Protein backbone atom coordinates (compact mmCIF):
# COMPACT_ATOMS: atom_id res chain seq x y z
CA MET A 1 99.98 117.61 74.05
CA THR A 2 97.55 114.68 74.39
CA ASP A 3 99.41 112.78 71.64
CA ALA A 4 102.73 113.21 73.50
CA ILE A 5 101.28 112.02 76.82
CA SER A 6 99.48 109.10 75.24
CA TYR A 7 102.61 107.94 73.35
CA LEU A 8 104.85 108.19 76.44
CA ASN A 9 102.41 106.34 78.65
CA SER A 10 101.90 103.64 76.00
CA LEU A 11 105.54 102.70 76.44
CA GLY A 12 104.98 101.62 80.05
CA LEU A 13 106.55 103.57 82.90
CA HIS A 14 107.79 100.46 84.67
CA LYS A 15 108.78 98.34 81.71
CA VAL A 16 112.46 97.39 81.81
CA ASN A 17 114.10 96.20 78.60
CA PRO A 18 117.88 95.85 79.07
CA GLY A 19 120.27 96.82 76.26
CA LEU A 20 121.73 99.93 74.62
CA GLU A 21 120.91 99.07 71.03
CA ARG A 22 117.58 101.00 70.93
CA ILE A 23 118.88 104.16 72.49
CA ILE A 24 122.04 104.12 70.32
CA ARG A 25 119.91 103.86 67.14
CA LEU A 26 117.53 106.56 68.36
CA LEU A 27 120.25 109.00 69.27
CA SER A 28 122.06 108.33 65.96
CA ALA A 29 118.90 109.21 64.10
CA LEU A 30 118.67 112.42 66.17
CA GLY A 31 122.25 113.46 65.33
CA ASN A 32 123.86 112.11 68.49
CA PRO A 33 123.05 115.08 70.75
CA HIS A 34 124.65 113.35 73.74
CA ASN A 35 128.12 113.73 72.19
CA LYS A 36 127.83 117.54 71.98
CA MET A 37 128.35 118.41 75.61
CA PRO A 38 130.67 117.19 78.40
CA SER A 39 128.96 115.00 81.01
CA ILE A 40 129.30 113.55 84.48
CA ILE A 41 127.52 110.19 85.05
CA ILE A 42 126.49 109.18 88.56
CA GLY A 43 125.36 105.69 89.53
CA GLY A 44 125.17 103.55 92.67
CA THR A 45 122.41 102.00 94.80
CA ASN A 46 121.60 104.87 97.16
CA GLY A 47 122.39 108.55 97.11
CA LYS A 48 123.01 109.00 93.39
CA GLY A 49 120.20 111.53 93.02
CA SER A 50 121.42 113.60 95.96
CA VAL A 51 125.00 113.53 94.66
CA SER A 52 123.80 114.52 91.18
CA ALA A 53 121.85 117.40 92.64
CA MET A 54 124.82 118.61 94.68
CA VAL A 55 127.27 118.49 91.80
CA ALA A 56 124.84 120.33 89.55
CA SER A 57 124.17 123.01 92.21
CA VAL A 58 127.90 123.68 92.71
CA LEU A 59 128.56 123.88 89.00
CA LYS A 60 125.61 126.33 88.66
CA SER A 61 127.05 128.38 91.55
CA GLY A 62 130.32 128.53 89.69
CA GLY A 63 128.62 130.13 86.68
CA TYR A 64 128.28 127.08 84.51
CA LYS A 65 125.05 126.35 82.62
CA THR A 66 124.33 122.90 83.94
CA GLY A 67 121.83 120.34 82.79
CA LEU A 68 120.57 117.79 85.31
CA TYR A 69 118.76 114.57 84.38
CA THR A 70 117.31 112.41 87.13
CA SER A 71 114.73 109.72 87.74
CA PRO A 72 112.09 108.93 88.79
CA HIS A 73 109.91 112.02 89.08
CA LEU A 74 107.75 112.67 92.12
CA ILE A 75 104.82 114.50 90.58
CA ARG A 76 105.60 115.90 87.07
CA VAL A 77 107.62 114.12 84.40
CA SER A 78 109.29 117.48 83.60
CA GLU A 79 111.01 117.30 86.98
CA ARG A 80 113.52 114.83 85.40
CA ILE A 81 115.07 117.42 83.04
CA ARG A 82 116.41 120.66 84.47
CA ILE A 83 118.84 123.43 83.55
CA ASN A 84 120.13 125.44 86.53
CA ASP A 85 117.21 124.20 88.69
CA GLU A 86 114.60 125.19 86.06
CA GLU A 87 112.42 122.34 84.81
CA ILE A 88 112.08 121.87 81.09
CA PRO A 89 108.95 123.82 79.96
CA ILE A 90 106.19 121.29 79.38
CA ASP A 91 105.61 122.49 75.77
CA ASP A 92 109.23 121.84 74.98
CA LEU A 93 109.11 118.40 76.52
CA TYR A 94 105.96 117.42 74.58
CA ARG A 95 107.54 118.81 71.39
CA LEU A 96 110.61 116.58 71.85
CA ILE A 97 108.51 113.54 72.71
CA LEU A 98 106.50 114.00 69.52
CA GLU A 99 109.73 114.40 67.50
CA ILE A 100 110.88 111.07 68.85
CA LYS A 101 107.47 109.47 68.31
CA ASN A 102 107.51 110.45 64.66
CA LEU A 103 111.03 109.12 64.25
CA SER A 104 110.43 105.85 66.14
CA SER A 105 108.28 104.40 63.38
CA ARG A 106 111.48 104.17 61.29
CA LEU A 107 113.45 102.33 63.91
CA LEU A 108 113.78 98.59 64.29
CA GLN A 109 112.36 98.66 67.88
CA GLU A 110 110.19 101.07 69.82
CA PRO A 111 112.23 102.81 72.51
CA SER A 112 111.24 102.45 76.18
CA TYR A 113 109.69 105.14 78.37
CA PHE A 114 113.05 105.87 80.03
CA GLU A 115 114.93 105.90 76.72
CA VAL A 116 112.52 108.46 75.22
CA LEU A 117 112.97 110.78 78.24
CA THR A 118 116.79 110.29 78.17
CA ALA A 119 116.83 111.24 74.47
CA CYS A 120 114.64 114.27 75.27
CA ALA A 121 117.10 115.32 77.93
CA PHE A 122 120.05 115.08 75.53
CA LEU A 123 118.17 116.97 72.85
CA TYR A 124 117.08 119.73 75.25
CA PHE A 125 120.56 120.14 76.77
CA SER A 126 122.04 120.28 73.26
CA GLU A 127 119.51 122.92 72.11
CA LYS A 128 120.23 125.06 75.12
CA LYS A 129 124.02 124.58 74.83
CA VAL A 130 124.69 123.63 78.41
CA ASP A 131 128.23 123.64 79.69
CA PHE A 132 127.87 120.30 81.52
CA MET A 133 125.32 117.51 81.76
CA VAL A 134 124.94 115.71 85.08
CA LEU A 135 123.31 112.34 84.49
CA GLU A 136 121.83 110.16 87.18
CA VAL A 137 121.81 106.47 86.15
CA GLY A 138 118.32 105.03 86.15
CA MET A 139 119.06 101.41 87.07
CA GLY A 140 122.33 99.49 87.20
CA GLY A 141 124.75 101.11 84.82
CA ARG A 142 126.09 98.79 82.15
CA TRP A 143 122.97 98.79 80.00
CA ASP A 144 121.26 101.94 81.34
CA ALA A 145 120.27 104.45 78.69
CA THR A 146 122.44 107.17 80.20
CA ASN A 147 125.48 104.99 79.63
CA VAL A 148 125.82 105.99 75.98
CA VAL A 149 128.05 108.92 76.96
CA THR A 150 131.78 108.98 77.35
CA PRO A 151 131.81 111.19 80.43
CA LEU A 152 134.51 113.41 81.98
CA LEU A 153 133.91 111.52 85.23
CA SER A 154 132.05 108.41 86.50
CA VAL A 155 130.74 108.25 90.07
CA ILE A 156 129.45 105.13 91.91
CA THR A 157 128.07 106.17 95.28
CA ASN A 158 127.75 102.76 96.94
CA VAL A 159 126.51 99.29 96.17
CA SER A 160 123.89 97.19 98.05
CA ARG A 161 121.14 94.80 97.14
CA ASP A 162 118.35 96.26 94.98
CA HIS A 163 116.71 95.38 91.66
CA THR A 164 118.12 91.87 92.03
CA GLU A 165 115.88 90.51 89.32
CA PHE A 166 117.78 92.63 86.82
CA LEU A 167 121.19 93.22 88.38
CA GLY A 168 121.96 89.88 90.04
CA GLU A 169 121.62 88.32 93.46
CA THR A 170 125.14 88.97 94.86
CA ILE A 171 126.86 92.20 95.71
CA GLY A 172 129.64 91.25 93.28
CA GLN A 173 127.14 90.87 90.40
CA ILE A 174 125.36 94.11 91.19
CA ALA A 175 128.72 95.96 91.47
CA PHE A 176 129.70 94.62 88.04
CA GLU A 177 126.57 96.15 86.54
CA LYS A 178 127.17 99.45 88.38
CA ALA A 179 130.74 99.53 87.19
CA GLY A 180 129.57 99.39 83.60
CA ILE A 181 129.73 103.24 83.60
CA ILE A 182 133.52 103.11 84.04
CA LYS A 183 135.11 104.09 80.73
CA GLN A 184 138.63 103.73 79.42
CA GLY A 185 140.90 106.35 80.98
CA VAL A 186 138.03 108.23 82.66
CA PRO A 187 138.39 109.09 86.34
CA VAL A 188 136.10 107.33 88.82
CA VAL A 189 134.95 108.31 92.33
CA THR A 190 133.26 105.82 94.69
CA ALA A 191 132.11 105.32 98.25
CA ALA A 192 131.74 101.60 97.73
CA ASN A 193 133.45 99.14 100.06
CA GLY A 194 134.00 95.42 100.61
CA GLU A 195 133.25 93.01 97.75
CA ALA A 196 131.70 95.79 95.68
CA LEU A 197 134.89 97.87 95.89
CA ASP A 198 136.95 94.88 94.87
CA VAL A 199 134.93 94.57 91.67
CA ILE A 200 135.08 98.30 90.96
CA GLU A 201 138.81 98.43 91.53
CA SER A 202 139.37 95.49 89.21
CA ILE A 203 137.35 97.05 86.40
CA ALA A 204 138.89 100.49 86.89
CA TYR A 205 142.37 98.96 86.68
CA LYS A 206 141.53 97.08 83.49
CA ARG A 207 140.20 100.27 81.95
CA SER A 208 143.08 102.40 83.16
CA ALA A 209 140.62 104.61 84.95
CA PRO A 210 142.08 106.61 87.89
CA LEU A 211 140.06 105.69 91.00
CA SER A 212 139.31 107.86 94.03
CA ILE A 213 138.00 105.86 96.99
CA MET A 214 136.24 107.21 100.05
CA GLY A 215 138.30 106.48 103.17
CA ARG A 216 141.54 106.29 101.25
CA ASP A 217 141.66 109.25 98.88
CA PHE A 218 139.08 111.45 100.49
CA ARG A 219 137.41 111.58 103.89
CA THR A 220 134.67 113.31 105.78
CA GLN A 221 133.98 114.01 109.45
CA GLY A 222 130.73 115.20 111.04
CA GLU A 223 127.50 114.10 112.59
CA GLY A 224 125.29 115.96 110.10
CA THR A 225 125.23 118.39 107.24
CA GLU A 226 125.03 121.43 109.53
CA ASP A 227 128.80 121.23 110.12
CA PHE A 228 131.20 118.78 108.58
CA ARG A 229 134.73 118.51 107.33
CA TYR A 230 136.12 117.29 103.94
CA SER A 231 139.69 116.21 103.30
CA GLY A 232 140.80 115.27 99.79
CA VAL A 233 143.68 115.68 97.39
CA ILE A 234 143.16 119.37 96.71
CA TRP A 235 140.66 120.60 99.26
CA ASP A 236 140.84 120.48 103.10
CA LEU A 237 137.71 122.26 104.21
CA ASP A 238 136.20 122.87 107.66
CA HIS A 239 132.70 123.97 108.71
CA LEU A 240 130.95 122.89 105.51
CA ARG A 241 127.20 123.01 105.41
CA CYS A 242 124.68 121.41 103.06
CA ALA A 243 120.99 122.23 102.66
CA LEU A 244 120.04 118.55 102.62
CA PRO A 245 119.63 117.18 106.19
CA GLY A 246 120.48 113.73 107.27
CA PHE A 247 123.57 111.84 108.44
CA TYR A 248 123.75 109.90 105.21
CA GLN A 249 123.98 113.17 103.26
CA VAL A 250 127.40 113.81 104.80
CA GLU A 251 128.75 110.85 102.82
CA ASN A 252 126.84 111.97 99.66
CA ALA A 253 128.28 115.48 100.02
CA SER A 254 131.71 114.05 100.36
CA VAL A 255 131.33 112.04 97.17
CA ALA A 256 130.03 115.13 95.36
CA ILE A 257 132.94 117.24 96.61
CA CYS A 258 135.47 114.60 95.44
CA ALA A 259 133.71 114.49 92.07
CA LEU A 260 134.08 118.22 91.69
CA GLU A 261 137.69 118.03 92.95
CA SER A 262 138.40 115.40 90.23
CA LEU A 263 136.90 117.73 87.55
CA SER A 264 139.13 120.52 88.75
CA ARG A 265 142.23 118.36 88.93
CA SER A 266 141.74 116.34 85.71
CA TYR A 267 140.22 118.94 83.44
CA ALA A 268 141.11 122.33 85.00
CA VAL A 269 137.47 123.13 85.54
CA GLU A 270 137.49 126.22 87.76
CA ILE A 271 135.55 125.66 91.01
CA LYS A 272 136.24 128.12 93.76
CA GLU A 273 135.74 127.36 97.42
CA ARG A 274 132.94 129.92 97.71
CA ASN A 275 131.13 128.30 94.75
CA LEU A 276 131.42 124.94 96.50
CA ARG A 277 130.02 126.30 99.77
CA ASP A 278 127.25 128.29 98.06
CA GLY A 279 126.24 125.34 95.88
CA LEU A 280 125.95 122.92 98.81
CA LEU A 281 123.93 125.51 100.74
CA SER A 282 121.51 126.10 97.92
CA VAL A 283 120.99 122.55 96.70
CA ARG A 284 117.41 121.25 96.55
CA TRP A 285 116.38 117.59 96.37
CA GLU A 286 112.80 116.86 97.31
CA GLY A 287 111.59 113.72 99.04
CA ARG A 288 114.85 112.88 100.72
CA MET A 289 114.83 113.70 104.46
CA GLU A 290 112.36 116.43 103.67
CA PHE A 291 110.64 118.06 106.61
CA LEU A 292 106.98 118.95 106.23
CA ARG A 293 106.82 119.93 109.89
CA ASP A 294 109.50 120.54 112.50
CA ASP A 295 107.72 120.00 115.85
CA PRO A 296 106.83 117.27 116.10
CA PRO A 297 108.82 116.22 113.06
CA LEU A 298 106.97 115.04 109.93
CA ILE A 299 109.54 113.68 107.48
CA LEU A 300 109.33 112.46 103.93
CA ASP A 301 112.16 110.13 102.82
CA GLY A 302 112.33 108.01 99.67
CA ALA A 303 114.37 105.18 101.18
CA HIS A 304 113.19 102.10 99.36
CA ASN A 305 115.74 99.34 100.01
CA PRO A 306 117.55 97.98 103.10
CA GLY A 307 120.58 100.19 102.53
CA GLY A 308 118.37 103.24 102.37
CA ALA A 309 116.42 102.16 105.43
CA ARG A 310 119.62 101.75 107.39
CA ALA A 311 120.83 105.21 106.36
CA LEU A 312 117.43 106.66 107.31
CA LYS A 313 117.52 104.93 110.66
CA GLU A 314 120.97 106.19 111.49
CA SER A 315 120.05 109.74 110.51
CA ILE A 316 116.95 109.70 112.74
CA GLN A 317 118.94 108.24 115.62
CA LYS A 318 121.53 111.00 115.39
CA MET A 319 119.02 113.82 114.80
CA PHE A 320 116.50 112.66 117.38
CA PRO A 321 118.33 110.48 119.94
CA GLY A 322 116.11 108.16 121.93
CA ARG A 323 112.87 109.14 120.10
CA LYS A 324 110.61 106.61 118.45
CA PHE A 325 108.72 107.49 115.26
CA LEU A 326 105.41 106.45 113.75
CA PHE A 327 106.16 105.23 110.23
CA LEU A 328 103.81 105.30 107.31
CA ILE A 329 105.18 102.78 104.80
CA GLY A 330 104.23 101.72 101.28
CA MET A 331 106.59 99.76 99.05
CA LEU A 332 107.02 98.24 95.66
CA GLY A 333 106.73 94.45 95.40
CA ASP A 334 110.27 93.71 94.16
CA LYS A 335 112.05 95.02 97.30
CA ASP A 336 113.50 93.11 100.30
CA HIS A 337 110.57 93.96 102.61
CA ARG A 338 111.70 91.86 105.54
CA GLN A 339 115.21 93.41 105.82
CA TYR A 340 113.77 96.90 105.17
CA ILE A 341 111.17 96.58 107.99
CA GLU A 342 113.75 95.09 110.30
CA GLU A 343 115.88 98.23 110.00
CA ILE A 344 112.95 100.62 110.40
CA SER A 345 111.42 98.70 113.34
CA GLN A 346 114.40 99.55 115.53
CA ILE A 347 113.25 103.18 115.72
CA ALA A 348 109.51 102.64 115.28
CA ARG A 349 106.80 103.02 117.92
CA CYS A 350 104.24 101.74 115.40
CA ILE A 351 103.89 101.20 111.63
CA ILE A 352 100.96 102.07 109.39
CA VAL A 353 101.17 100.33 105.98
CA THR A 354 99.44 101.61 102.88
CA ASP A 355 99.19 100.81 99.15
CA VAL A 356 101.56 102.50 96.67
CA PRO A 357 100.03 104.06 93.52
CA SER A 358 101.88 101.66 91.20
CA GLY A 359 101.02 98.36 89.58
CA ARG A 360 104.31 97.14 91.03
CA GLY A 361 103.31 97.79 94.65
CA ILE A 362 102.99 95.19 97.34
CA LYS A 363 99.52 95.17 98.91
CA ALA A 364 99.27 96.76 102.32
CA GLU A 365 97.83 93.59 103.90
CA LYS A 366 100.81 91.54 102.73
CA LEU A 367 103.32 94.15 103.88
CA ALA A 368 101.63 94.31 107.28
CA ARG A 369 102.27 90.60 107.80
CA VAL A 370 105.98 91.25 107.33
CA ALA A 371 105.87 94.22 109.72
CA GLU A 372 104.10 92.14 112.39
CA GLU A 373 107.16 89.93 112.56
CA PHE A 374 109.10 92.83 114.07
CA LEU A 375 106.53 95.07 115.78
CA LYS A 376 103.26 94.54 117.64
CA GLU A 377 101.66 97.85 116.69
CA VAL A 378 100.92 97.58 112.94
CA GLU A 379 97.87 99.10 111.26
CA ILE A 380 96.56 98.87 107.67
CA ILE A 381 95.10 101.97 105.89
CA GLU A 382 95.03 101.03 102.25
CA ASP A 383 93.97 104.48 100.90
CA ILE A 384 97.08 106.76 100.78
CA ARG A 385 95.18 110.02 101.19
CA GLU A 386 93.39 108.67 104.25
CA ALA A 387 96.66 107.35 105.65
CA PHE A 388 98.49 110.61 105.14
CA TYR A 389 95.85 112.83 106.74
CA ARG A 390 95.68 110.39 109.67
CA VAL A 391 99.40 110.54 110.45
CA GLU A 392 99.57 114.33 109.73
CA SER A 393 96.90 114.89 112.44
CA LEU A 394 98.83 113.13 115.16
CA SER A 395 101.09 115.02 117.56
CA VAL A 396 103.91 112.47 117.39
CA PRO A 397 107.10 112.21 115.29
CA VAL A 398 106.23 110.78 111.89
CA CYS A 399 108.24 109.51 108.93
CA ILE A 400 106.67 108.56 105.58
CA THR A 401 108.89 106.29 103.56
CA GLY A 402 109.29 103.12 101.54
CA SER A 403 108.94 104.30 97.96
CA LEU A 404 109.37 107.48 95.93
CA TYR A 405 105.94 106.73 94.41
CA LEU A 406 104.46 107.03 97.93
CA ILE A 407 106.40 110.30 98.47
CA GLY A 408 105.19 111.68 95.17
CA ALA A 409 101.57 110.89 96.03
CA VAL A 410 101.83 112.58 99.38
CA LYS A 411 103.46 115.69 97.87
CA SER A 412 100.61 115.93 95.36
CA PHE A 413 98.12 116.15 98.31
CA ILE A 414 99.84 119.18 99.85
CA MET A 415 100.56 121.22 96.69
């Protein structure tokens, strides 16, 4: 067990090394397990984890044995690999990591942290003979390790600025990277718009990939996930409900429903309306508009870029009209801090900034200087534990956000 942990950690959790050559060689040496099961691949800037969880939950509700691979994890690395909501047993995960470690010495290059876990997911899903794999793209799409599959369906939730040092500075460049998961003749679903949609449409056309676009081919209506409507090519459904709260989750649910509709239409995958409704009601996705307390609200949300901040702001405005929140924020250093804080400050009474448990985090003092451009009441509490217990003790609405690493740390305090 120690050998497996040491090997995985030695690869560097945050190290990004673009390219598919290493994962292709690794999977080839392992017998190409990723080719043994049908898959759905889901990318985008925000919402791809929620959409992945929803699709997997509905497939499970329909009686399909469904593997779900997501990233990052909040507390345990085993969270990333699940079958029908059950995490991979830690002994199985360590066994697979050691199998890859022993093999890697014969490869030209050492695989990355993410590539090892991706290969573990493929191996585990193959061993357990899942009916479907639902794969959340880690970053970008074109050279992400999940993009070795030829899926039944590709999904691109939306496109906004994030990871610009790897994906490009413009929306068009980022959309090009995201659209790398579009394969020849494989249906695509997207909620992208504007310049990003232009790029996605162009690539889908070149690859003869049928494209379903939110607002044209499918639509949703509703102020929240307690009661919304979906209209698509097959389904026209009223009074839908989803277990994940938040205005932004209505769009994510709509994308997930269209993805399932596309599976049904293109591949005759049987998904009954009751399975759809049950799956949406039973879906779990921690750290996204997660309520630790209802009155006054104490919310965890992993929004970590300006698009996520905007979606969080709009959700809070609709769920708690006119109320201002205390925000506890910690962020990674490679984000657009100024635009993020500008969005959040519109519904903030005050902001407490803290350090994130990551070598990539921006220091609280530096983030506070950005926050002070938009709000007078800004406080620094560098220690996360101290910051959390401070905001938890206050009888005011609180939202903890800025990074999934911050959310994971907070959840570890309350387990």
